Every structure is written in C-alpha cells, then in structure tokens.
Amino acid sequence: MPIRVVIVDDHAIVRAGMRMLLQSDPEIAIVGEGESGADALALARTHQPDVILMDVSMPGIDGVEATQRIKQENPGTAVLAVTIHEGPDYFFRMLQAGASGYVPKRAAPEDLMRAIHIVAEGNVFLEPGIAKDLVADYLERVEEGSERDSFDGLTEREREVLLHIAQDEANRAIAQELSISVKTVERHIENIMSKLGLHSRTELVKYAIRKNLISLNDT
C-alpha cells in the first residue's frame, strides 16, 4: 500500500513543486491538494490520508489550528509541517498541536521524502537545526529550574524503550531488539507517558532530546 499524502500550501507553485517531487516515489500516492487550513480539514475527513504536508502560515485557519483539529478528528493521520518559518515559536506550536515533524522549505528534496516515510510509520522527524533549538529550550528550562535531571521515576526497562523511541524505531523493531512482545512495548510506552505527563510520541522524542538520549546528528 502506498503512503497516501495530502499537500496543503497557499502557494500554487509550491504545491506543484512538491507534487512533482512526490510523484517520483512509487511508494507515495497524492490523494488531494488544498490551499488553506479549511481545505486541510475537509481533505482529511474525505480521504483520511496517512500524511498531510502542512504549511504553517495560511489565510483563515492556519496550519497550527488545522493540525490540532485534524489530530483530534483523525489521530491516525500524521501531519508534517513544511514551511519557511524556522523560529522556535512556530515549530513548538506545531509540535504541541500534534505535528509529527517539521521540515524547512530550504531542506533538500531527499530530506522531505525521508521525512514523509518516517512520519508515515508513526515516528517523528526533526531537521537537525530544529533539534538544536529543542536542546536550547531544554538548557533554558534547566537554568530556570523547571527541568529535572532525573528520569522522573522510569524503570530501567522504560528507559531502554524511551531510548529506542528517541532513535525513531517503530514498536515492532523495539520489541525485536528487547526480545519482548509489541503489546509489552505499547504498555511500556503508556507507562512512560503517564509518568512523564506526556501525550504523544512527538513529546517523548522531545523529552529524549532534552535528556541527551539522542545525538543531534542522528535526528
């Protein structure tokens, strides 16, 4: 089954460029295109795609609000932000809204293609420059005293699972690495989220980056 993708951007020339790029990959099928957040919502409801390539700044409903509403209605759809905005405010808002990744429009075409495949598998993609900002945010929290250096009561096995999540491994791969069942991995992830007060795999990756569990060069 190909990865079913929707492209949403208010610039026709950008949509055309992404369309040409995605059509070169036989494992990707474009099922819809839109130019606004409202279009994104309608296309998500109609097609229930695997991945939505979402611009952030659009008239009316912007990418942040559209992402939040889409994740509420279609939690199985991954949203990948593709935007000119690289400031931390933008990508933190998108990640908090539920986006699974953030790719600057200056990124190489192969980075976008790789990101689509990664988020379609339920993992998280963060461009290295974005990851650096996440670490800077962590350091700021440490200085303010709002970030603890401990692992907040995680068991040794939960720490192992978190490390594998930070390396963008799927649940099945984690199960094979640790010689446990997929259901056990899922239960560990639920426990980790509960203990850390997190609600998504994206938040787990952000936490892992803050804890230095993952190298920026591998993000």
N, C-alpha and C. Protein backbone atom coordinates (compact mmCIF):
# COMPACT_ATOMS: atom_id res chain seq x y z
N MET A 1 0.83 -1.21 0.00
CA MET A 1 0.00 0.00 0.00
C MET A 1 0.87 1.25 0.00
N PRO A 2 0.64 2.16 -0.93
CA PRO A 2 1.42 3.40 -0.95
C PRO A 2 1.04 4.31 0.21
N ILE A 3 1.93 5.24 0.53
CA ILE A 3 1.64 6.24 1.55
C ILE A 3 0.73 7.29 0.93
N ARG A 4 -0.44 7.46 1.51
CA ARG A 4 -1.44 8.38 0.95
C ARG A 4 -1.19 9.78 1.52
N VAL A 5 -0.90 10.73 0.64
CA VAL A 5 -0.44 12.07 1.06
C VAL A 5 -1.37 13.16 0.54
N VAL A 6 -1.60 14.15 1.40
CA VAL A 6 -2.31 15.37 1.02
C VAL A 6 -1.33 16.53 1.13
N ILE A 7 -1.33 17.41 0.14
CA ILE A 7 -0.46 18.59 0.13
C ILE A 7 -1.30 19.83 0.40
N VAL A 8 -0.92 20.62 1.40
CA VAL A 8 -1.67 21.84 1.71
C VAL A 8 -0.70 23.02 1.80
N ASP A 9 -0.83 23.96 0.88
CA ASP A 9 0.01 25.15 0.85
C ASP A 9 -0.73 26.22 0.06
N ASP A 10 -0.66 27.48 0.50
CA ASP A 10 -1.42 28.52 -0.18
C ASP A 10 -0.71 29.07 -1.42
N HIS A 11 0.44 28.49 -1.77
CA HIS A 11 1.14 28.91 -2.99
C HIS A 11 1.10 27.77 -4.01
N ALA A 12 0.46 28.04 -5.15
CA ALA A 12 0.30 27.00 -6.17
C ALA A 12 1.64 26.47 -6.68
N ILE A 13 2.63 27.36 -6.79
CA ILE A 13 3.92 26.92 -7.32
C ILE A 13 4.62 25.98 -6.35
N VAL A 14 4.41 26.18 -5.05
CA VAL A 14 4.99 25.28 -4.05
C VAL A 14 4.31 23.92 -4.13
N ARG A 15 2.99 23.92 -4.25
CA ARG A 15 2.26 22.65 -4.37
C ARG A 15 2.72 21.90 -5.61
N ALA A 16 2.92 22.62 -6.70
CA ALA A 16 3.35 21.98 -7.95
C ALA A 16 4.73 21.35 -7.78
N GLY A 17 5.62 22.06 -7.10
CA GLY A 17 6.96 21.52 -6.87
C GLY A 17 6.93 20.27 -6.02
N MET A 18 6.15 20.29 -4.94
CA MET A 18 6.05 19.11 -4.08
C MET A 18 5.38 17.95 -4.81
N ARG A 19 4.37 18.28 -5.65
CA ARG A 19 3.69 17.24 -6.41
C ARG A 19 4.67 16.52 -7.33
N MET A 20 5.49 17.28 -8.05
CA MET A 20 6.46 16.68 -8.96
C MET A 20 7.45 15.80 -8.21
N LEU A 21 7.88 16.27 -7.04
CA LEU A 21 8.84 15.51 -6.24
C LEU A 21 8.22 14.20 -5.76
N LEU A 22 7.00 14.30 -5.20
CA LEU A 22 6.36 13.11 -4.63
C LEU A 22 6.00 12.09 -5.71
N GLN A 23 5.68 12.57 -6.91
CA GLN A 23 5.32 11.65 -7.99
C GLN A 23 6.50 10.80 -8.45
N SER A 24 7.71 11.18 -8.04
CA SER A 24 8.90 10.39 -8.41
C SER A 24 9.07 9.17 -7.51
N ASP A 25 8.27 9.09 -6.43
CA ASP A 25 8.38 7.98 -5.49
C ASP A 25 7.18 7.05 -5.67
N PRO A 26 7.40 5.83 -6.15
CA PRO A 26 6.28 4.91 -6.38
C PRO A 26 5.58 4.47 -5.10
N GLU A 27 6.19 4.73 -3.95
CA GLU A 27 5.59 4.33 -2.67
C GLU A 27 4.70 5.42 -2.09
N ILE A 28 4.54 6.53 -2.83
CA ILE A 28 3.71 7.66 -2.37
C ILE A 28 2.59 7.92 -3.38
N ALA A 29 1.38 8.12 -2.88
CA ALA A 29 0.24 8.46 -3.74
C ALA A 29 -0.39 9.75 -3.22
N ILE A 30 -0.45 10.77 -4.07
CA ILE A 30 -1.08 12.05 -3.70
C ILE A 30 -2.59 11.89 -3.86
N VAL A 31 -3.33 12.08 -2.77
CA VAL A 31 -4.78 11.88 -2.82
C VAL A 31 -5.57 13.18 -2.76
N GLY A 32 -4.85 14.31 -2.55
CA GLY A 32 -5.55 15.58 -2.51
C GLY A 32 -4.61 16.75 -2.33
N GLU A 33 -5.07 17.93 -2.73
CA GLU A 33 -4.31 19.16 -2.56
C GLU A 33 -5.24 20.27 -2.09
N GLY A 34 -4.71 21.17 -1.26
CA GLY A 34 -5.50 22.29 -0.79
C GLY A 34 -4.65 23.51 -0.57
N GLU A 35 -5.32 24.67 -0.38
CA GLU A 35 -4.58 25.91 -0.22
C GLU A 35 -4.87 26.62 1.10
N SER A 36 -5.55 25.94 2.01
CA SER A 36 -5.90 26.57 3.28
C SER A 36 -6.09 25.53 4.37
N GLY A 37 -6.16 26.02 5.62
CA GLY A 37 -6.42 25.11 6.72
C GLY A 37 -7.79 24.47 6.59
N ALA A 38 -8.76 25.23 6.09
CA ALA A 38 -10.10 24.69 5.88
C ALA A 38 -10.06 23.55 4.87
N ASP A 39 -9.27 23.72 3.81
CA ASP A 39 -9.10 22.65 2.83
C ASP A 39 -8.48 21.42 3.48
N ALA A 40 -7.50 21.64 4.34
CA ALA A 40 -6.83 20.53 5.02
C ALA A 40 -7.82 19.72 5.83
N LEU A 41 -8.70 20.41 6.57
CA LEU A 41 -9.70 19.72 7.38
C LEU A 41 -10.64 18.90 6.50
N ALA A 42 -11.11 19.50 5.40
CA ALA A 42 -12.04 18.80 4.51
C ALA A 42 -11.36 17.60 3.86
N LEU A 43 -10.13 17.76 3.42
CA LEU A 43 -9.41 16.67 2.76
C LEU A 43 -9.11 15.54 3.73
N ALA A 44 -8.79 15.90 4.98
CA ALA A 44 -8.52 14.88 5.99
C ALA A 44 -9.76 14.04 6.26
N ARG A 45 -10.92 14.70 6.30
CA ARG A 45 -12.18 13.98 6.55
C ARG A 45 -12.54 13.10 5.36
N THR A 46 -12.32 13.61 4.16
CA THR A 46 -12.72 12.87 2.97
C THR A 46 -11.81 11.69 2.66
N HIS A 47 -10.49 11.93 2.74
CA HIS A 47 -9.53 10.92 2.30
C HIS A 47 -8.85 10.16 3.44
N GLN A 48 -8.88 10.69 4.66
CA GLN A 48 -8.17 10.08 5.79
C GLN A 48 -6.76 9.63 5.36
N PRO A 49 -5.94 10.59 4.93
CA PRO A 49 -4.60 10.25 4.41
C PRO A 49 -3.66 9.78 5.52
N ASP A 50 -2.56 9.19 5.11
CA ASP A 50 -1.53 8.78 6.05
C ASP A 50 -0.72 9.99 6.52
N VAL A 51 -0.45 10.91 5.58
CA VAL A 51 0.39 12.07 5.88
C VAL A 51 -0.21 13.31 5.22
N ILE A 52 -0.21 14.42 5.95
CA ILE A 52 -0.57 15.72 5.37
C ILE A 52 0.66 16.62 5.44
N LEU A 53 1.09 17.14 4.29
CA LEU A 53 2.16 18.13 4.24
C LEU A 53 1.49 19.48 4.47
N MET A 54 1.80 20.11 5.59
CA MET A 54 1.04 21.28 6.04
C MET A 54 1.90 22.54 6.11
N ASP A 55 1.49 23.55 5.36
CA ASP A 55 2.10 24.87 5.51
C ASP A 55 1.63 25.44 6.85
N VAL A 56 2.40 26.34 7.44
CA VAL A 56 2.03 26.91 8.74
C VAL A 56 1.22 28.19 8.57
N SER A 57 1.71 29.13 7.77
CA SER A 57 1.04 30.42 7.59
C SER A 57 0.11 30.39 6.38
N MET A 58 -1.17 30.36 6.67
CA MET A 58 -2.17 30.37 5.59
C MET A 58 -3.33 31.26 6.03
N PRO A 59 -4.04 31.86 5.08
CA PRO A 59 -5.18 32.72 5.45
C PRO A 59 -6.30 31.91 6.09
N GLY A 60 -7.06 32.56 6.97
CA GLY A 60 -8.15 31.87 7.65
C GLY A 60 -7.61 30.93 8.72
N ILE A 61 -7.96 29.68 8.63
CA ILE A 61 -7.44 28.68 9.58
C ILE A 61 -5.99 28.39 9.23
N ASP A 62 -5.07 28.69 10.14
CA ASP A 62 -3.65 28.47 9.83
C ASP A 62 -3.28 27.01 10.08
N GLY A 63 -2.00 26.69 9.79
CA GLY A 63 -1.55 25.32 9.91
C GLY A 63 -1.60 24.77 11.32
N VAL A 64 -1.37 25.64 12.31
CA VAL A 64 -1.38 25.19 13.69
C VAL A 64 -2.78 24.73 14.10
N GLU A 65 -3.78 25.58 13.86
CA GLU A 65 -5.16 25.24 14.22
C GLU A 65 -5.65 24.04 13.42
N ALA A 66 -5.31 24.01 12.14
CA ALA A 66 -5.74 22.89 11.29
C ALA A 66 -5.14 21.58 11.80
N THR A 67 -3.87 21.62 12.19
CA THR A 67 -3.21 20.42 12.70
C THR A 67 -3.88 19.92 13.97
N GLN A 68 -4.16 20.83 14.87
CA GLN A 68 -4.79 20.46 16.13
C GLN A 68 -6.15 19.81 15.90
N ARG A 69 -6.94 20.39 15.01
CA ARG A 69 -8.27 19.86 14.74
C ARG A 69 -8.22 18.53 14.00
N ILE A 70 -7.27 18.41 13.09
CA ILE A 70 -7.12 17.15 12.35
C ILE A 70 -6.72 16.03 13.29
N LYS A 71 -5.80 16.29 14.21
CA LYS A 71 -5.35 15.25 15.13
C LYS A 71 -6.46 14.84 16.09
N GLN A 72 -7.35 15.76 16.39
CA GLN A 72 -8.50 15.42 17.23
C GLN A 72 -9.48 14.52 16.48
N GLU A 73 -9.69 14.84 15.20
CA GLU A 73 -10.67 14.09 14.41
C GLU A 73 -10.08 12.82 13.79
N ASN A 74 -8.82 12.90 13.37
CA ASN A 74 -8.16 11.78 12.69
C ASN A 74 -6.78 11.54 13.29
N PRO A 75 -6.72 10.99 14.51
CA PRO A 75 -5.43 10.82 15.18
C PRO A 75 -4.44 9.93 14.43
N GLY A 76 -4.94 9.11 13.51
CA GLY A 76 -4.05 8.25 12.75
C GLY A 76 -3.34 8.94 11.61
N THR A 77 -3.75 10.16 11.29
CA THR A 77 -3.11 10.93 10.22
C THR A 77 -1.92 11.70 10.78
N ALA A 78 -0.76 11.53 10.16
CA ALA A 78 0.44 12.26 10.58
C ALA A 78 0.51 13.59 9.84
N VAL A 79 0.82 14.66 10.56
CA VAL A 79 0.97 15.97 9.94
C VAL A 79 2.46 16.33 9.93
N LEU A 80 2.95 16.68 8.76
CA LEU A 80 4.34 17.08 8.60
C LEU A 80 4.36 18.54 8.16
N ALA A 81 4.85 19.42 9.03
CA ALA A 81 4.92 20.84 8.71
C ALA A 81 6.03 21.07 7.69
N VAL A 82 5.71 21.77 6.61
CA VAL A 82 6.69 22.14 5.59
C VAL A 82 6.55 23.64 5.39
N THR A 83 7.52 24.41 5.87
CA THR A 83 7.31 25.86 5.96
C THR A 83 8.60 26.65 5.86
N ILE A 84 8.45 27.94 5.54
CA ILE A 84 9.62 28.83 5.51
C ILE A 84 10.00 29.28 6.91
N HIS A 85 9.10 29.14 7.87
CA HIS A 85 9.35 29.64 9.21
C HIS A 85 10.22 28.66 10.00
N GLU A 86 11.33 29.17 10.53
CA GLU A 86 12.25 28.31 11.27
C GLU A 86 12.44 28.75 12.72
N GLY A 87 11.71 29.77 13.14
CA GLY A 87 11.82 30.21 14.53
C GLY A 87 11.23 29.19 15.47
N PRO A 88 11.76 29.10 16.69
CA PRO A 88 11.27 28.09 17.66
C PRO A 88 9.79 28.23 17.98
N ASP A 89 9.25 29.46 17.96
CA ASP A 89 7.84 29.63 18.29
C ASP A 89 6.95 28.83 17.34
N TYR A 90 7.31 28.86 16.05
CA TYR A 90 6.49 28.17 15.06
C TYR A 90 6.54 26.66 15.24
N PHE A 91 7.76 26.09 15.33
CA PHE A 91 7.78 24.63 15.38
C PHE A 91 7.31 24.09 16.71
N PHE A 92 7.49 24.84 17.83
CA PHE A 92 6.95 24.37 19.10
C PHE A 92 5.43 24.36 19.04
N ARG A 93 4.84 25.38 18.41
CA ARG A 93 3.38 25.42 18.30
C ARG A 93 2.87 24.27 17.44
N MET A 94 3.57 23.97 16.37
CA MET A 94 3.15 22.87 15.52
C MET A 94 3.29 21.51 16.23
N LEU A 95 4.40 21.32 16.93
CA LEU A 95 4.59 20.07 17.65
C LEU A 95 3.56 19.91 18.75
N GLN A 96 3.28 21.00 19.44
CA GLN A 96 2.27 20.95 20.50
C GLN A 96 0.88 20.70 19.94
N ALA A 97 0.64 21.13 18.70
CA ALA A 97 -0.65 20.90 18.06
C ALA A 97 -0.80 19.44 17.62
N GLY A 98 0.34 18.72 17.56
CA GLY A 98 0.28 17.30 17.20
C GLY A 98 1.05 16.91 15.96
N ALA A 99 1.78 17.85 15.36
CA ALA A 99 2.57 17.52 14.17
C ALA A 99 3.64 16.49 14.51
N SER A 100 3.94 15.63 13.55
CA SER A 100 4.94 14.58 13.75
C SER A 100 6.31 14.98 13.22
N GLY A 101 6.41 16.15 12.64
CA GLY A 101 7.69 16.58 12.10
C GLY A 101 7.63 17.99 11.58
N TYR A 102 8.80 18.55 11.29
CA TYR A 102 8.90 19.94 10.87
C TYR A 102 10.06 20.04 9.89
N VAL A 103 9.75 20.35 8.63
CA VAL A 103 10.77 20.43 7.59
C VAL A 103 10.81 21.83 6.99
N PRO A 104 11.93 22.54 7.08
CA PRO A 104 12.02 23.86 6.44
C PRO A 104 11.97 23.72 4.92
N LYS A 105 11.42 24.70 4.23
CA LYS A 105 11.33 24.64 2.78
C LYS A 105 12.69 24.72 2.10
N ARG A 106 13.70 25.14 2.87
CA ARG A 106 15.06 25.16 2.31
C ARG A 106 15.69 23.76 2.32
N ALA A 107 15.05 22.80 2.95
CA ALA A 107 15.61 21.45 3.08
C ALA A 107 15.79 20.80 1.72
N ALA A 108 16.71 19.85 1.65
CA ALA A 108 16.94 19.12 0.41
C ALA A 108 15.74 18.23 0.10
N PRO A 109 15.43 18.01 -1.17
CA PRO A 109 14.28 17.16 -1.54
C PRO A 109 14.31 15.79 -0.87
N GLU A 110 15.51 15.20 -0.77
CA GLU A 110 15.59 13.87 -0.17
C GLU A 110 15.23 13.88 1.31
N ASP A 111 15.44 15.04 1.98
CA ASP A 111 15.06 15.15 3.39
C ASP A 111 13.54 15.12 3.54
N LEU A 112 12.84 15.81 2.64
CA LEU A 112 11.38 15.80 2.68
C LEU A 112 10.84 14.40 2.42
N MET A 113 11.40 13.71 1.42
CA MET A 113 10.95 12.37 1.11
C MET A 113 11.19 11.43 2.29
N ARG A 114 12.35 11.55 2.92
CA ARG A 114 12.67 10.71 4.07
C ARG A 114 11.72 11.01 5.22
N ALA A 115 11.43 12.29 5.42
CA ALA A 115 10.53 12.69 6.50
C ALA A 115 9.13 12.09 6.30
N ILE A 116 8.65 12.08 5.07
CA ILE A 116 7.33 11.52 4.80
C ILE A 116 7.28 10.05 5.19
N HIS A 117 8.30 9.30 4.80
CA HIS A 117 8.34 7.87 5.13
C HIS A 117 8.44 7.65 6.64
N ILE A 118 9.21 8.50 7.31
CA ILE A 118 9.39 8.35 8.75
C ILE A 118 8.10 8.60 9.52
N VAL A 119 7.42 9.70 9.21
CA VAL A 119 6.20 10.01 9.96
C VAL A 119 5.06 9.08 9.58
N ALA A 120 5.08 8.55 8.36
CA ALA A 120 4.04 7.60 7.95
C ALA A 120 4.12 6.32 8.77
N GLU A 121 5.30 6.01 9.28
CA GLU A 121 5.48 4.81 10.10
C GLU A 121 5.18 5.06 11.57
N GLY A 122 4.71 6.28 11.88
CA GLY A 122 4.37 6.59 13.25
C GLY A 122 5.52 7.15 14.06
N ASN A 123 6.60 7.51 13.38
CA ASN A 123 7.76 8.07 14.06
C ASN A 123 7.81 9.58 13.88
N VAL A 124 8.87 10.19 14.39
CA VAL A 124 8.99 11.65 14.40
C VAL A 124 10.21 12.07 13.59
N PHE A 125 10.05 13.14 12.80
CA PHE A 125 11.18 13.68 12.05
C PHE A 125 11.41 15.13 12.46
N LEU A 126 12.63 15.42 12.89
CA LEU A 126 13.03 16.80 13.21
C LEU A 126 14.33 17.11 12.48
N GLU A 127 14.31 18.11 11.65
CA GLU A 127 15.51 18.55 10.95
C GLU A 127 16.56 18.96 11.98
N PRO A 128 17.87 18.63 11.77
CA PRO A 128 18.90 18.89 12.78
C PRO A 128 18.90 20.29 13.36
N GLY A 129 18.67 21.30 12.53
CA GLY A 129 18.65 22.67 13.05
C GLY A 129 17.52 22.87 14.04
N ILE A 130 16.39 22.21 13.80
CA ILE A 130 15.26 22.28 14.71
C ILE A 130 15.61 21.60 16.03
N ALA A 131 16.29 20.46 15.94
CA ALA A 131 16.68 19.74 17.15
C ALA A 131 17.58 20.60 18.03
N LYS A 132 18.43 21.39 17.41
CA LYS A 132 19.31 22.26 18.20
C LYS A 132 18.49 23.26 19.01
N ASP A 133 17.42 23.76 18.41
CA ASP A 133 16.56 24.69 19.14
C ASP A 133 15.86 24.00 20.30
N LEU A 134 15.51 22.73 20.12
CA LEU A 134 14.89 21.98 21.21
C LEU A 134 15.86 21.86 22.38
N VAL A 135 17.13 21.60 22.07
CA VAL A 135 18.13 21.49 23.13
C VAL A 135 18.34 22.84 23.82
N ALA A 136 18.35 23.92 23.02
CA ALA A 136 18.48 25.25 23.61
C ALA A 136 17.32 25.53 24.57
N ASP A 137 16.13 25.09 24.17
CA ASP A 137 14.96 25.25 25.04
C ASP A 137 15.15 24.47 26.34
N TYR A 138 15.71 23.26 26.22
CA TYR A 138 15.97 22.45 27.41
C TYR A 138 16.94 23.16 28.36
N LEU A 139 18.03 23.71 27.79
CA LEU A 139 19.02 24.40 28.62
C LEU A 139 18.41 25.59 29.34
N GLU A 140 17.52 26.29 28.64
CA GLU A 140 16.84 27.42 29.25
C GLU A 140 15.97 26.96 30.42
N ARG A 141 15.30 25.82 30.24
CA ARG A 141 14.47 25.28 31.31
C ARG A 141 15.32 24.87 32.51
N VAL A 142 16.50 24.32 32.24
CA VAL A 142 17.39 23.92 33.33
C VAL A 142 17.80 25.14 34.14
N GLU A 143 18.15 26.23 33.43
CA GLU A 143 18.55 27.46 34.12
C GLU A 143 17.40 28.01 34.97
N GLU A 144 16.17 27.83 34.47
CA GLU A 144 15.01 28.33 35.22
C GLU A 144 14.60 27.38 36.34
N GLY A 145 15.21 26.18 36.34
CA GLY A 145 14.89 25.21 37.37
C GLY A 145 13.61 24.44 37.12
N SER A 146 13.07 24.53 35.91
CA SER A 146 11.81 23.84 35.62
C SER A 146 12.01 22.47 34.99
N GLU A 147 13.24 22.09 34.72
CA GLU A 147 13.52 20.78 34.12
C GLU A 147 14.40 19.98 35.08
N ARG A 148 13.97 18.79 35.42
CA ARG A 148 14.74 17.96 36.33
C ARG A 148 15.75 17.12 35.55
N ASP A 149 16.85 16.77 36.20
CA ASP A 149 17.89 15.98 35.55
C ASP A 149 17.63 14.48 35.68
N SER A 150 16.70 14.07 36.52
CA SER A 150 16.41 12.66 36.70
C SER A 150 15.53 12.16 35.56
N PHE A 151 15.27 10.86 35.57
CA PHE A 151 14.37 10.30 34.57
C PHE A 151 12.97 10.14 35.15
N ASP A 152 12.66 10.94 36.18
CA ASP A 152 11.31 11.06 36.69
C ASP A 152 10.66 9.72 37.04
N GLY A 153 11.44 8.81 37.66
CA GLY A 153 10.87 7.56 38.16
C GLY A 153 10.72 6.46 37.14
N LEU A 154 11.35 6.55 35.97
CA LEU A 154 11.25 5.50 34.98
C LEU A 154 12.06 4.28 35.41
N THR A 155 11.53 3.08 35.12
CA THR A 155 12.28 1.86 35.40
C THR A 155 13.39 1.70 34.36
N GLU A 156 14.29 0.77 34.59
CA GLU A 156 15.39 0.54 33.65
C GLU A 156 14.84 0.14 32.28
N ARG A 157 13.83 -0.74 32.27
CA ARG A 157 13.25 -1.18 31.00
C ARG A 157 12.56 -0.02 30.29
N GLU A 158 11.89 0.85 31.03
CA GLU A 158 11.22 2.01 30.44
C GLU A 158 12.24 2.97 29.84
N ARG A 159 13.39 3.09 30.50
CA ARG A 159 14.45 3.94 29.94
C ARG A 159 14.96 3.36 28.62
N GLU A 160 15.08 2.03 28.56
CA GLU A 160 15.53 1.37 27.32
C GLU A 160 14.53 1.63 26.20
N VAL A 161 13.26 1.50 26.50
CA VAL A 161 12.22 1.74 25.49
C VAL A 161 12.27 3.20 25.02
N LEU A 162 12.42 4.12 25.96
CA LEU A 162 12.49 5.54 25.61
C LEU A 162 13.68 5.81 24.71
N LEU A 163 14.82 5.17 24.98
CA LEU A 163 16.00 5.35 24.14
C LEU A 163 15.72 4.91 22.71
N HIS A 164 15.05 3.78 22.54
CA HIS A 164 14.74 3.29 21.20
C HIS A 164 13.74 4.21 20.51
N ILE A 165 12.79 4.76 21.25
CA ILE A 165 11.85 5.72 20.66
C ILE A 165 12.61 6.94 20.16
N ALA A 166 13.58 7.38 20.94
CA ALA A 166 14.38 8.55 20.56
C ALA A 166 15.15 8.31 19.27
N GLN A 167 15.41 7.04 18.96
CA GLN A 167 16.13 6.70 17.74
C GLN A 167 15.18 6.40 16.58
N ASP A 168 13.92 6.83 16.74
CA ASP A 168 12.91 6.72 15.68
C ASP A 168 12.61 5.27 15.30
N GLU A 169 12.67 4.36 16.25
CA GLU A 169 12.36 2.96 15.96
C GLU A 169 10.87 2.69 16.17
N ALA A 170 10.31 1.90 15.30
CA ALA A 170 8.91 1.52 15.41
C ALA A 170 8.74 0.51 16.55
N ASN A 171 7.51 0.37 17.03
CA ASN A 171 7.25 -0.53 18.16
C ASN A 171 7.69 -1.96 17.88
N ARG A 172 7.47 -2.43 16.66
CA ARG A 172 7.84 -3.81 16.32
C ARG A 172 9.36 -3.99 16.39
N ALA A 173 10.10 -2.99 15.91
CA ALA A 173 11.56 -3.07 15.95
C ALA A 173 12.06 -3.04 17.39
N ILE A 174 11.42 -2.21 18.22
CA ILE A 174 11.80 -2.15 19.63
C ILE A 174 11.56 -3.50 20.29
N ALA A 175 10.43 -4.12 19.99
CA ALA A 175 10.10 -5.43 20.56
C ALA A 175 11.15 -6.47 20.19
N GLN A 176 11.60 -6.44 18.94
CA GLN A 176 12.62 -7.40 18.49
C GLN A 176 13.95 -7.15 19.19
N GLU A 177 14.32 -5.88 19.33
CA GLU A 177 15.59 -5.53 19.97
C GLU A 177 15.62 -5.97 21.43
N LEU A 178 14.49 -5.82 22.13
CA LEU A 178 14.44 -6.10 23.56
C LEU A 178 13.88 -7.49 23.87
N SER A 179 13.55 -8.25 22.81
CA SER A 179 13.01 -9.61 22.97
C SER A 179 11.75 -9.63 23.83
N ILE A 180 10.85 -8.69 23.54
CA ILE A 180 9.56 -8.63 24.22
C ILE A 180 8.47 -8.48 23.16
N SER A 181 7.23 -8.60 23.56
CA SER A 181 6.13 -8.50 22.59
C SER A 181 5.82 -7.04 22.26
N VAL A 182 5.15 -6.84 21.13
CA VAL A 182 4.75 -5.49 20.74
C VAL A 182 3.79 -4.92 21.78
N LYS A 183 2.90 -5.77 22.30
CA LYS A 183 1.96 -5.31 23.31
C LYS A 183 2.68 -4.83 24.57
N THR A 184 3.77 -5.52 24.92
CA THR A 184 4.55 -5.10 26.09
C THR A 184 5.22 -3.75 25.83
N VAL A 185 5.70 -3.55 24.60
CA VAL A 185 6.28 -2.25 24.23
C VAL A 185 5.23 -1.17 24.38
N GLU A 186 4.03 -1.43 23.86
CA GLU A 186 2.95 -0.44 23.93
C GLU A 186 2.60 -0.12 25.37
N ARG A 187 2.61 -1.15 26.23
CA ARG A 187 2.31 -0.92 27.64
C ARG A 187 3.39 -0.08 28.31
N HIS A 188 4.66 -0.34 27.95
CA HIS A 188 5.76 0.47 28.49
C HIS A 188 5.62 1.93 28.05
N ILE A 189 5.25 2.13 26.79
CA ILE A 189 5.10 3.50 26.28
C ILE A 189 3.98 4.21 27.03
N GLU A 190 2.88 3.51 27.27
CA GLU A 190 1.78 4.10 28.04
C GLU A 190 2.24 4.50 29.43
N ASN A 191 3.03 3.62 30.07
CA ASN A 191 3.53 3.91 31.42
C ASN A 191 4.48 5.10 31.41
N ILE A 192 5.33 5.15 30.38
CA ILE A 192 6.29 6.26 30.28
C ILE A 192 5.54 7.58 30.14
N MET A 193 4.56 7.61 29.25
CA MET A 193 3.78 8.83 29.04
C MET A 193 3.07 9.25 30.32
N SER A 194 2.52 8.27 31.03
CA SER A 194 1.82 8.57 32.26
C SER A 194 2.75 9.17 33.30
N LYS A 195 3.93 8.58 33.45
CA LYS A 195 4.88 9.05 34.45
C LYS A 195 5.44 10.43 34.12
N LEU A 196 5.62 10.68 32.82
CA LEU A 196 6.23 11.95 32.40
C LEU A 196 5.19 13.03 32.10
N GLY A 197 3.92 12.66 32.11
CA GLY A 197 2.88 13.63 31.81
C GLY A 197 2.88 14.03 30.35
N LEU A 198 3.25 13.09 29.46
CA LEU A 198 3.31 13.36 28.03
C LEU A 198 2.15 12.64 27.34
N HIS A 199 1.84 13.08 26.10
CA HIS A 199 0.64 12.56 25.45
C HIS A 199 0.85 12.07 24.03
N SER A 200 2.08 12.09 23.53
CA SER A 200 2.30 11.64 22.16
C SER A 200 3.75 11.20 21.99
N ARG A 201 3.98 10.47 20.91
CA ARG A 201 5.34 10.03 20.59
C ARG A 201 6.24 11.24 20.31
N THR A 202 5.66 12.28 19.73
CA THR A 202 6.42 13.50 19.47
C THR A 202 6.96 14.09 20.77
N GLU A 203 6.11 14.15 21.79
CA GLU A 203 6.54 14.69 23.08
C GLU A 203 7.61 13.80 23.71
N LEU A 204 7.52 12.49 23.50
CA LEU A 204 8.54 11.58 24.03
C LEU A 204 9.89 11.85 23.37
N VAL A 205 9.87 12.10 22.06
CA VAL A 205 11.13 12.39 21.36
C VAL A 205 11.72 13.71 21.86
N LYS A 206 10.87 14.72 22.04
CA LYS A 206 11.34 16.00 22.56
C LYS A 206 11.98 15.80 23.94
N TYR A 207 11.34 14.99 24.78
CA TYR A 207 11.87 14.71 26.11
C TYR A 207 13.23 14.02 25.99
N ALA A 208 13.33 13.03 25.07
CA ALA A 208 14.58 12.30 24.91
C ALA A 208 15.71 13.20 24.45
N ILE A 209 15.39 14.16 23.57
CA ILE A 209 16.40 15.11 23.11
C ILE A 209 16.88 15.97 24.28
N ARG A 210 15.93 16.42 25.10
CA ARG A 210 16.29 17.24 26.25
C ARG A 210 17.19 16.49 27.23
N LYS A 211 16.97 15.18 27.33
CA LYS A 211 17.74 14.37 28.26
C LYS A 211 19.05 13.87 27.65
N ASN A 212 19.35 14.36 26.43
CA ASN A 212 20.59 13.97 25.75
C ASN A 212 20.64 12.48 25.42
N LEU A 213 19.47 11.85 25.21
CA LEU A 213 19.43 10.44 24.85
C LEU A 213 19.70 10.23 23.37
N ILE A 214 19.63 11.32 22.61
CA ILE A 214 19.81 11.20 21.17
C ILE A 214 20.75 12.27 20.66
N SER A 215 21.64 11.88 19.76
CA SER A 215 22.59 12.83 19.18
C SER A 215 21.89 13.68 18.14
N LEU A 216 22.22 14.95 18.09
CA LEU A 216 21.63 15.85 17.09
C LEU A 216 21.93 15.37 15.68
N ASN A 217 23.08 14.75 15.51
CA ASN A 217 23.46 14.29 14.17
C ASN A 217 22.60 13.13 13.70
N ASP A 218 21.90 12.46 14.65
CA ASP A 218 21.07 11.33 14.28
C ASP A 218 19.61 11.69 14.17
N THR A 219 19.27 12.98 14.47
CA THR A 219 17.86 13.37 14.49
C THR A 219 17.36 13.65 13.09
